[in-house]
Amino acid sequence: MSEQSMSGPGDDQARPSRTRTRSLGHGDLRLLLLALIAQQPRHGYELIRLVADMFHGRYAPSPGVVYPALAQLESAGLVTVEAEGGRRRHAVSAAGRAWLAAHRDEVDAVLARTARSARAAARAGVPMPVRRAMETLKRALVSREGHWTPDEAARVEALLREAAGAIERGM
């Protein structure tokens, strides 16, 4: 895979499928994997889990998509692979670091799109009445326009922590 094939026209927009909107745009997963590997060497399964965690469990790329993308990164010379206990550990190569540096804007855009898509996926799992209540709470907090005394801030913090605790405990 050449540097040209790492991205192309249309990579900046998610393409909808007939059944649901894609969690990642065309080509975004490859760049996301490369960025995650650049943070530290990783195994394929670990990358799948990391992406699933980013999406709060509402989306996880399949091994049938991740492993071919990793093979493309390897064949392009952007990652190296080391056998480790029967598993393959991927590390970014010098060429991969150079590619990331040269395409920083594109990588940052993918990371931003991924974060937006992950937030949307998380919101989609929240029932509408709860989303409306969250919006009401947000408006109430913002309406203070920064006019908070330390006591008011502490009181609201305690209320929010109490509510969060009750939700986590299942009330």
N, C-alpha and C. Protein backbone atom coordinates (compact mmCIF):
# COMPACT_ATOMS: atom_id res chain seq x y z
N MET A 1 0.86 -1.17 0.00
CA MET A 1 0.00 0.00 0.00
C MET A 1 0.90 1.22 0.00
N SER A 2 0.68 2.12 -0.90
CA SER A 2 1.46 3.34 -0.97
C SER A 2 0.88 4.37 -0.03
N GLU A 3 1.62 5.46 0.16
CA GLU A 3 1.08 6.54 0.98
C GLU A 3 -0.21 7.07 0.37
N GLN A 4 -0.27 7.08 -0.95
CA GLN A 4 -1.47 7.56 -1.61
C GLN A 4 -2.68 6.71 -1.25
N SER A 5 -2.47 5.38 -1.11
CA SER A 5 -3.61 4.53 -0.85
C SER A 5 -4.05 4.54 0.61
N MET A 6 -3.28 5.21 1.48
CA MET A 6 -3.70 5.33 2.87
C MET A 6 -4.95 6.19 2.97
N SER A 7 -5.12 7.09 2.05
CA SER A 7 -6.31 7.94 2.10
C SER A 7 -6.69 8.29 0.68
N GLY A 8 -7.88 8.78 0.55
CA GLY A 8 -8.31 9.15 -0.78
C GLY A 8 -9.57 9.96 -0.70
N PRO A 9 -10.09 10.32 -1.84
CA PRO A 9 -11.31 11.11 -1.86
C PRO A 9 -12.42 10.40 -1.10
N GLY A 10 -13.14 11.17 -0.33
CA GLY A 10 -14.27 10.61 0.40
C GLY A 10 -13.92 10.06 1.76
N ASP A 11 -12.61 10.02 2.12
CA ASP A 11 -12.22 9.50 3.43
C ASP A 11 -12.71 10.38 4.55
N ASP A 12 -13.01 11.65 4.26
CA ASP A 12 -13.38 12.56 5.32
C ASP A 12 -14.85 12.49 5.67
N GLN A 13 -15.61 11.62 5.03
CA GLN A 13 -17.03 11.53 5.34
C GLN A 13 -17.42 10.07 5.53
N ALA A 14 -18.21 9.83 6.58
CA ALA A 14 -18.74 8.48 6.77
C ALA A 14 -19.79 8.23 5.70
N ARG A 15 -19.78 7.07 5.13
CA ARG A 15 -20.78 6.72 4.13
C ARG A 15 -21.86 5.89 4.80
N PRO A 16 -23.10 6.30 4.69
CA PRO A 16 -24.15 5.53 5.35
C PRO A 16 -24.41 4.21 4.64
N SER A 17 -24.73 3.20 5.42
CA SER A 17 -25.16 1.94 4.83
C SER A 17 -26.68 1.93 4.83
N ARG A 18 -27.24 0.90 4.25
CA ARG A 18 -28.70 0.83 4.21
C ARG A 18 -29.30 0.56 5.58
N THR A 19 -28.56 -0.16 6.43
CA THR A 19 -29.14 -0.56 7.70
C THR A 19 -28.78 0.39 8.84
N ARG A 20 -27.59 0.99 8.80
CA ARG A 20 -27.21 1.91 9.86
C ARG A 20 -26.05 2.77 9.37
N THR A 21 -25.81 3.84 10.08
CA THR A 21 -24.70 4.71 9.74
C THR A 21 -23.39 4.06 10.18
N ARG A 22 -22.38 4.19 9.35
CA ARG A 22 -21.07 3.63 9.69
C ARG A 22 -20.50 4.36 10.89
N SER A 23 -19.84 3.63 11.75
CA SER A 23 -19.21 4.25 12.92
C SER A 23 -17.94 4.99 12.52
N LEU A 24 -17.28 4.51 11.48
CA LEU A 24 -16.06 5.14 11.00
C LEU A 24 -16.17 5.35 9.50
N GLY A 25 -15.59 6.42 9.01
CA GLY A 25 -15.59 6.69 7.58
C GLY A 25 -14.64 5.76 6.85
N HIS A 26 -14.77 5.73 5.54
CA HIS A 26 -13.92 4.90 4.70
C HIS A 26 -12.46 5.30 4.91
N GLY A 27 -11.62 4.35 5.27
CA GLY A 27 -10.19 4.61 5.49
C GLY A 27 -9.85 5.07 6.88
N ASP A 28 -10.86 5.46 7.67
CA ASP A 28 -10.58 5.97 9.01
C ASP A 28 -10.01 4.89 9.93
N LEU A 29 -10.50 3.67 9.84
CA LEU A 29 -10.02 2.62 10.74
C LEU A 29 -8.53 2.40 10.57
N ARG A 30 -8.05 2.37 9.35
CA ARG A 30 -6.62 2.16 9.11
C ARG A 30 -5.79 3.24 9.78
N LEU A 31 -6.22 4.49 9.61
CA LEU A 31 -5.49 5.60 10.24
C LEU A 31 -5.61 5.55 11.75
N LEU A 32 -6.78 5.21 12.26
CA LEU A 32 -6.97 5.10 13.70
C LEU A 32 -6.07 4.02 14.28
N LEU A 33 -6.01 2.87 13.61
CA LEU A 33 -5.13 1.79 14.07
C LEU A 33 -3.68 2.23 14.08
N LEU A 34 -3.25 2.92 13.03
CA LEU A 34 -1.87 3.40 12.97
C LEU A 34 -1.59 4.38 14.12
N ALA A 35 -2.53 5.28 14.39
CA ALA A 35 -2.35 6.23 15.49
C ALA A 35 -2.29 5.53 16.83
N LEU A 36 -3.11 4.50 17.03
CA LEU A 36 -3.09 3.75 18.30
C LEU A 36 -1.79 2.96 18.45
N ILE A 37 -1.32 2.40 17.35
CA ILE A 37 -0.06 1.65 17.39
C ILE A 37 1.10 2.60 17.66
N ALA A 38 1.02 3.83 17.15
CA ALA A 38 2.08 4.81 17.39
C ALA A 38 2.19 5.16 18.87
N GLN A 39 1.08 5.07 19.61
CA GLN A 39 1.11 5.33 21.05
C GLN A 39 1.95 4.28 21.76
N GLN A 40 1.78 3.03 21.35
CA GLN A 40 2.56 1.91 21.89
C GLN A 40 2.28 0.68 21.05
N PRO A 41 3.22 -0.25 20.98
CA PRO A 41 2.99 -1.48 20.22
C PRO A 41 1.78 -2.23 20.76
N ARG A 42 1.01 -2.84 19.85
CA ARG A 42 -0.24 -3.49 20.27
C ARG A 42 -0.51 -4.73 19.42
N HIS A 43 -1.29 -5.64 20.02
CA HIS A 43 -1.80 -6.82 19.33
C HIS A 43 -3.13 -6.47 18.67
N GLY A 44 -3.52 -7.23 17.67
CA GLY A 44 -4.77 -6.98 16.96
C GLY A 44 -5.98 -7.00 17.88
N TYR A 45 -6.06 -8.00 18.75
CA TYR A 45 -7.21 -8.09 19.64
C TYR A 45 -7.27 -6.88 20.58
N GLU A 46 -6.11 -6.43 21.03
CA GLU A 46 -6.05 -5.24 21.89
C GLU A 46 -6.58 -4.02 21.15
N LEU A 47 -6.26 -3.90 19.87
CA LEU A 47 -6.76 -2.78 19.07
C LEU A 47 -8.28 -2.84 18.93
N ILE A 48 -8.81 -4.04 18.73
CA ILE A 48 -10.27 -4.20 18.63
C ILE A 48 -10.92 -3.73 19.94
N ARG A 49 -10.36 -4.15 21.07
CA ARG A 49 -10.90 -3.75 22.37
C ARG A 49 -10.79 -2.25 22.60
N LEU A 50 -9.68 -1.65 22.19
CA LEU A 50 -9.51 -0.20 22.36
C LEU A 50 -10.56 0.58 21.59
N VAL A 51 -10.78 0.18 20.35
CA VAL A 51 -11.78 0.87 19.53
C VAL A 51 -13.17 0.66 20.15
N ALA A 52 -13.46 -0.55 20.59
CA ALA A 52 -14.75 -0.82 21.24
C ALA A 52 -14.90 0.05 22.49
N ASP A 53 -13.84 0.21 23.25
CA ASP A 53 -13.89 1.08 24.44
C ASP A 53 -14.15 2.53 24.05
N MET A 54 -13.53 2.98 22.96
CA MET A 54 -13.77 4.35 22.49
C MET A 54 -15.25 4.58 22.21
N PHE A 55 -15.91 3.54 21.70
CA PHE A 55 -17.32 3.63 21.34
C PHE A 55 -18.22 3.12 22.46
N HIS A 56 -17.69 3.02 23.66
CA HIS A 56 -18.46 2.62 24.83
C HIS A 56 -19.19 1.30 24.58
N GLY A 57 -18.55 0.40 23.84
CA GLY A 57 -19.12 -0.91 23.57
C GLY A 57 -20.23 -0.93 22.54
N ARG A 58 -20.56 0.20 21.94
CA ARG A 58 -21.67 0.26 20.98
C ARG A 58 -21.20 -0.09 19.56
N TYR A 59 -19.88 -0.15 19.36
CA TYR A 59 -19.32 -0.55 18.07
C TYR A 59 -17.96 -1.18 18.34
N ALA A 60 -17.68 -2.25 17.67
CA ALA A 60 -16.35 -2.86 17.71
C ALA A 60 -16.06 -3.35 16.30
N PRO A 61 -14.89 -3.00 15.77
CA PRO A 61 -14.57 -3.50 14.44
C PRO A 61 -14.34 -5.01 14.49
N SER A 62 -14.73 -5.69 13.44
CA SER A 62 -14.57 -7.14 13.42
C SER A 62 -13.13 -7.51 13.09
N PRO A 63 -12.70 -8.67 13.54
CA PRO A 63 -11.36 -9.14 13.16
C PRO A 63 -11.19 -9.21 11.65
N GLY A 64 -12.29 -9.48 10.93
CA GLY A 64 -12.24 -9.56 9.47
C GLY A 64 -11.97 -8.22 8.80
N VAL A 65 -12.06 -7.13 9.56
CA VAL A 65 -11.73 -5.81 9.04
C VAL A 65 -10.38 -5.35 9.60
N VAL A 66 -10.15 -5.62 10.89
CA VAL A 66 -8.93 -5.14 11.55
C VAL A 66 -7.69 -5.83 11.02
N TYR A 67 -7.70 -7.15 10.94
CA TYR A 67 -6.48 -7.85 10.54
C TYR A 67 -6.06 -7.54 9.10
N PRO A 68 -6.97 -7.44 8.14
CA PRO A 68 -6.53 -7.01 6.80
C PRO A 68 -5.97 -5.57 6.81
N ALA A 69 -6.56 -4.69 7.63
CA ALA A 69 -6.04 -3.32 7.71
C ALA A 69 -4.63 -3.33 8.29
N LEU A 70 -4.39 -4.16 9.29
CA LEU A 70 -3.04 -4.28 9.86
C LEU A 70 -2.07 -4.85 8.83
N ALA A 71 -2.53 -5.81 8.03
CA ALA A 71 -1.68 -6.37 6.97
C ALA A 71 -1.33 -5.30 5.94
N GLN A 72 -2.29 -4.43 5.62
CA GLN A 72 -2.02 -3.33 4.68
C GLN A 72 -0.98 -2.37 5.26
N LEU A 73 -1.11 -2.05 6.54
CA LEU A 73 -0.14 -1.16 7.18
C LEU A 73 1.25 -1.78 7.17
N GLU A 74 1.30 -3.09 7.40
CA GLU A 74 2.57 -3.80 7.38
C GLU A 74 3.17 -3.82 5.98
N SER A 75 2.36 -4.14 4.98
CA SER A 75 2.89 -4.21 3.62
C SER A 75 3.32 -2.83 3.11
N ALA A 76 2.73 -1.77 3.64
CA ALA A 76 3.13 -0.41 3.27
C ALA A 76 4.39 0.01 4.01
N GLY A 77 4.84 -0.82 4.96
CA GLY A 77 6.05 -0.49 5.71
C GLY A 77 5.81 0.50 6.83
N LEU A 78 4.54 0.73 7.18
CA LEU A 78 4.22 1.71 8.22
C LEU A 78 4.25 1.10 9.61
N VAL A 79 4.09 -0.23 9.70
CA VAL A 79 4.23 -0.93 10.97
C VAL A 79 5.13 -2.15 10.77
N THR A 80 5.73 -2.55 11.86
CA THR A 80 6.50 -3.79 11.87
C THR A 80 5.74 -4.77 12.76
N VAL A 81 6.00 -6.05 12.56
CA VAL A 81 5.31 -7.08 13.32
C VAL A 81 6.33 -8.00 13.96
N GLU A 82 6.08 -8.29 15.21
CA GLU A 82 6.96 -9.18 15.97
C GLU A 82 6.09 -10.28 16.57
N ALA A 83 6.53 -11.52 16.40
CA ALA A 83 5.80 -12.64 17.00
C ALA A 83 6.06 -12.62 18.50
N GLU A 84 4.98 -12.77 19.25
CA GLU A 84 5.10 -12.73 20.71
C GLU A 84 4.12 -13.74 21.30
N GLY A 85 4.63 -14.89 21.69
CA GLY A 85 3.78 -15.91 22.30
C GLY A 85 2.65 -16.37 21.41
N GLY A 86 2.89 -16.55 20.14
CA GLY A 86 1.85 -17.00 19.22
C GLY A 86 0.96 -15.88 18.70
N ARG A 87 1.20 -14.67 19.17
CA ARG A 87 0.42 -13.52 18.69
C ARG A 87 1.35 -12.56 17.97
N ARG A 88 0.75 -11.69 17.18
CA ARG A 88 1.54 -10.71 16.42
C ARG A 88 1.40 -9.34 17.08
N ARG A 89 2.54 -8.77 17.43
CA ARG A 89 2.56 -7.45 18.07
C ARG A 89 3.02 -6.44 17.03
N HIS A 90 2.18 -5.40 16.82
CA HIS A 90 2.44 -4.39 15.80
C HIS A 90 3.06 -3.16 16.45
N ALA A 91 4.11 -2.66 15.82
CA ALA A 91 4.77 -1.43 16.28
C ALA A 91 4.92 -0.51 15.08
N VAL A 92 4.84 0.78 15.33
CA VAL A 92 5.00 1.73 14.23
C VAL A 92 6.47 1.73 13.80
N SER A 93 6.69 1.78 12.51
CA SER A 93 8.05 1.82 11.97
C SER A 93 8.51 3.28 11.85
N ALA A 94 9.77 3.47 11.51
CA ALA A 94 10.27 4.83 11.27
C ALA A 94 9.49 5.46 10.12
N ALA A 95 9.20 4.67 9.09
CA ALA A 95 8.42 5.19 7.96
C ALA A 95 7.00 5.55 8.41
N GLY A 96 6.44 4.76 9.32
CA GLY A 96 5.12 5.06 9.85
C GLY A 96 5.10 6.35 10.65
N ARG A 97 6.13 6.57 11.46
CA ARG A 97 6.23 7.83 12.22
C ARG A 97 6.36 9.02 11.27
N ALA A 98 7.16 8.85 10.25
CA ALA A 98 7.32 9.93 9.27
C ALA A 98 6.01 10.19 8.55
N TRP A 99 5.29 9.12 8.19
CA TRP A 99 4.00 9.28 7.52
C TRP A 99 3.02 10.01 8.42
N LEU A 100 2.96 9.61 9.68
CA LEU A 100 2.06 10.27 10.63
C LEU A 100 2.40 11.75 10.78
N ALA A 101 3.68 12.06 10.85
CA ALA A 101 4.10 13.46 10.99
C ALA A 101 3.71 14.26 9.74
N ALA A 102 3.90 13.67 8.58
CA ALA A 102 3.59 14.36 7.33
C ALA A 102 2.09 14.53 7.12
N HIS A 103 1.29 13.69 7.74
CA HIS A 103 -0.16 13.71 7.57
C HIS A 103 -0.89 14.00 8.89
N ARG A 104 -0.25 14.79 9.73
CA ARG A 104 -0.80 15.08 11.07
C ARG A 104 -2.22 15.64 11.00
N ASP A 105 -2.47 16.55 10.07
CA ASP A 105 -3.81 17.14 9.96
C ASP A 105 -4.85 16.07 9.64
N GLU A 106 -4.52 15.18 8.73
CA GLU A 106 -5.44 14.11 8.35
C GLU A 106 -5.70 13.17 9.52
N VAL A 107 -4.64 12.82 10.25
CA VAL A 107 -4.78 11.94 11.41
C VAL A 107 -5.61 12.62 12.50
N ASP A 108 -5.34 13.89 12.75
CA ASP A 108 -6.12 14.64 13.75
C ASP A 108 -7.59 14.69 13.36
N ALA A 109 -7.87 14.84 12.07
CA ALA A 109 -9.26 14.88 11.59
C ALA A 109 -9.93 13.53 11.82
N VAL A 110 -9.22 12.43 11.59
CA VAL A 110 -9.77 11.09 11.83
C VAL A 110 -10.06 10.92 13.32
N LEU A 111 -9.13 11.35 14.16
CA LEU A 111 -9.34 11.22 15.61
C LEU A 111 -10.55 12.05 16.06
N ALA A 112 -10.71 13.24 15.49
CA ALA A 112 -11.85 14.08 15.83
C ALA A 112 -13.16 13.44 15.35
N ARG A 113 -13.16 12.91 14.11
CA ARG A 113 -14.37 12.24 13.60
C ARG A 113 -14.71 11.02 14.45
N THR A 114 -13.69 10.29 14.86
CA THR A 114 -13.91 9.11 15.69
C THR A 114 -14.53 9.51 17.02
N ALA A 115 -14.02 10.56 17.63
CA ALA A 115 -14.56 11.02 18.91
C ALA A 115 -16.02 11.45 18.76
N ARG A 116 -16.32 12.18 17.69
CA ARG A 116 -17.72 12.61 17.45
C ARG A 116 -18.63 11.40 17.23
N SER A 117 -18.17 10.47 16.44
CA SER A 117 -18.96 9.28 16.16
C SER A 117 -19.16 8.45 17.42
N ALA A 118 -18.13 8.36 18.26
CA ALA A 118 -18.24 7.61 19.51
C ALA A 118 -19.25 8.27 20.45
N ARG A 119 -19.23 9.60 20.51
CA ARG A 119 -20.21 10.32 21.35
C ARG A 119 -21.63 10.08 20.82
N ALA A 120 -21.79 10.11 19.51
CA ALA A 120 -23.11 9.87 18.92
C ALA A 120 -23.58 8.45 19.21
N ALA A 121 -22.68 7.49 19.14
CA ALA A 121 -23.04 6.10 19.44
C ALA A 121 -23.47 5.96 20.89
N ALA A 122 -22.75 6.63 21.78
CA ALA A 122 -23.11 6.57 23.20
C ALA A 122 -24.47 7.22 23.43
N ARG A 123 -24.71 8.37 22.79
CA ARG A 123 -26.00 9.05 22.94
C ARG A 123 -27.15 8.21 22.40
N ALA A 124 -26.89 7.48 21.32
CA ALA A 124 -27.95 6.68 20.71
C ALA A 124 -28.47 5.61 21.66
N GLY A 125 -27.66 5.21 22.62
CA GLY A 125 -28.08 4.20 23.58
C GLY A 125 -28.84 4.75 24.76
N VAL A 126 -28.97 6.07 24.83
CA VAL A 126 -29.66 6.70 25.96
C VAL A 126 -31.10 6.98 25.55
N PRO A 127 -32.06 6.53 26.34
CA PRO A 127 -33.48 6.76 26.00
C PRO A 127 -33.80 8.25 25.91
N MET A 128 -34.72 8.61 25.04
CA MET A 128 -35.07 10.00 24.80
C MET A 128 -35.45 10.75 26.08
N PRO A 129 -36.25 10.20 26.98
CA PRO A 129 -36.57 10.97 28.20
C PRO A 129 -35.32 11.31 29.02
N VAL A 130 -34.37 10.40 29.03
CA VAL A 130 -33.13 10.66 29.78
C VAL A 130 -32.31 11.73 29.05
N ARG A 131 -32.26 11.67 27.73
CA ARG A 131 -31.53 12.70 26.97
C ARG A 131 -32.15 14.07 27.20
N ARG A 132 -33.48 14.14 27.22
CA ARG A 132 -34.14 15.43 27.48
C ARG A 132 -33.79 15.94 28.88
N ALA A 133 -33.78 15.05 29.86
CA ALA A 133 -33.42 15.45 31.22
C ALA A 133 -31.97 15.92 31.29
N MET A 134 -31.08 15.27 30.53
CA MET A 134 -29.68 15.70 30.50
C MET A 134 -29.56 17.10 29.91
N GLU A 135 -30.31 17.36 28.85
CA GLU A 135 -30.30 18.69 28.23
C GLU A 135 -30.83 19.74 29.19
N THR A 136 -31.88 19.40 29.93
CA THR A 136 -32.44 20.33 30.92
C THR A 136 -31.39 20.65 31.99
N LEU A 137 -30.70 19.62 32.45
CA LEU A 137 -29.64 19.82 33.45
C LEU A 137 -28.53 20.69 32.88
N LYS A 138 -28.13 20.41 31.66
CA LYS A 138 -27.07 21.20 31.04
C LYS A 138 -27.48 22.68 30.94
N ARG A 139 -28.71 22.93 30.52
CA ARG A 139 -29.18 24.32 30.43
C ARG A 139 -29.18 24.99 31.80
N ALA A 140 -29.59 24.25 32.83
CA ALA A 140 -29.61 24.82 34.19
C ALA A 140 -28.20 25.17 34.65
N LEU A 141 -27.25 24.33 34.34
CA LEU A 141 -25.87 24.60 34.76
C LEU A 141 -25.27 25.77 33.99
N VAL A 142 -25.53 25.83 32.70
CA VAL A 142 -24.98 26.89 31.86
C VAL A 142 -25.65 28.23 32.16
N SER A 143 -26.90 28.19 32.59
CA SER A 143 -27.62 29.43 32.85
C SER A 143 -26.98 30.24 33.98
N ARG A 144 -26.14 29.63 34.75
CA ARG A 144 -25.45 30.34 35.84
C ARG A 144 -24.41 31.32 35.29
N GLU A 145 -24.04 31.15 34.03
CA GLU A 145 -23.09 32.03 33.34
C GLU A 145 -21.83 32.28 34.16
N GLY A 146 -21.35 31.25 34.82
CA GLY A 146 -20.09 31.37 35.55
C GLY A 146 -20.21 32.01 36.91
N HIS A 147 -21.41 32.34 37.35
CA HIS A 147 -21.61 32.99 38.65
C HIS A 147 -21.86 31.92 39.71
N TRP A 148 -20.81 31.36 40.21
CA TRP A 148 -20.89 30.30 41.20
C TRP A 148 -20.10 30.69 42.44
N THR A 149 -20.70 30.52 43.59
CA THR A 149 -19.92 30.66 44.83
C THR A 149 -19.32 29.29 45.10
N PRO A 150 -18.27 29.23 45.89
CA PRO A 150 -17.70 27.92 46.21
C PRO A 150 -18.72 26.99 46.87
N ASP A 151 -19.60 27.54 47.71
CA ASP A 151 -20.62 26.71 48.36
C ASP A 151 -21.63 26.15 47.35
N GLU A 152 -22.06 27.00 46.39
CA GLU A 152 -23.00 26.53 45.37
C GLU A 152 -22.36 25.44 44.52
N ALA A 153 -21.12 25.65 44.12
CA ALA A 153 -20.42 24.66 43.30
C ALA A 153 -20.31 23.34 44.06
N ALA A 154 -19.99 23.39 45.33
CA ALA A 154 -19.87 22.17 46.14
C ALA A 154 -21.22 21.48 46.27
N ARG A 155 -22.28 22.26 46.46
CA ARG A 155 -23.63 21.69 46.59
C ARG A 155 -24.04 20.98 45.30
N VAL A 156 -23.84 21.64 44.16
CA VAL A 156 -24.20 21.03 42.87
C VAL A 156 -23.34 19.81 42.60
N GLU A 157 -22.05 19.89 42.91
CA GLU A 157 -21.18 18.72 42.73
C GLU A 157 -21.72 17.54 43.54
N ALA A 158 -22.09 17.78 44.80
CA ALA A 158 -22.61 16.71 45.65
C ALA A 158 -23.90 16.12 45.07
N LEU A 159 -24.78 16.99 44.56
CA LEU A 159 -26.02 16.51 43.95
C LEU A 159 -25.74 15.64 42.73
N LEU A 160 -24.83 16.09 41.88
CA LEU A 160 -24.52 15.33 40.67
C LEU A 160 -23.85 14.00 41.00
N ARG A 161 -22.96 14.01 41.96
CA ARG A 161 -22.31 12.75 42.38
C ARG A 161 -23.33 11.78 42.98
N GLU A 162 -24.26 12.32 43.76
CA GLU A 162 -25.31 11.49 44.36
C GLU A 162 -26.19 10.88 43.27
N ALA A 163 -26.58 11.68 42.30
CA ALA A 163 -27.39 11.17 41.19
C ALA A 163 -26.64 10.11 40.40
N ALA A 164 -25.37 10.39 40.10
CA ALA A 164 -24.57 9.41 39.35
C ALA A 164 -24.43 8.11 40.13
N GLY A 165 -24.19 8.21 41.41
CA GLY A 165 -24.09 7.02 42.24
C GLY A 165 -25.38 6.21 42.26
N ALA A 166 -26.50 6.91 42.36
CA ALA A 166 -27.80 6.22 42.37
C ALA A 166 -28.04 5.51 41.04
N ILE A 167 -27.67 6.15 39.95
CA ILE A 167 -27.84 5.54 38.61
C ILE A 167 -26.95 4.30 38.50
N GLU A 168 -25.69 4.43 38.92
CA GLU A 168 -24.77 3.29 38.82
C GLU A 168 -25.22 2.13 39.69
N ARG A 169 -25.79 2.43 40.86
CA ARG A 169 -26.25 1.37 41.76
C ARG A 169 -27.58 0.77 41.30
N GLY A 170 -28.18 1.35 40.30
CA GLY A 170 -29.47 0.87 39.83
C GLY A 170 -30.61 1.37 40.69
N MET A 171 -30.38 2.43 41.39
CA MET A 171 -31.33 3.10 42.26
C MET A 171 -31.82 2.13 43.25
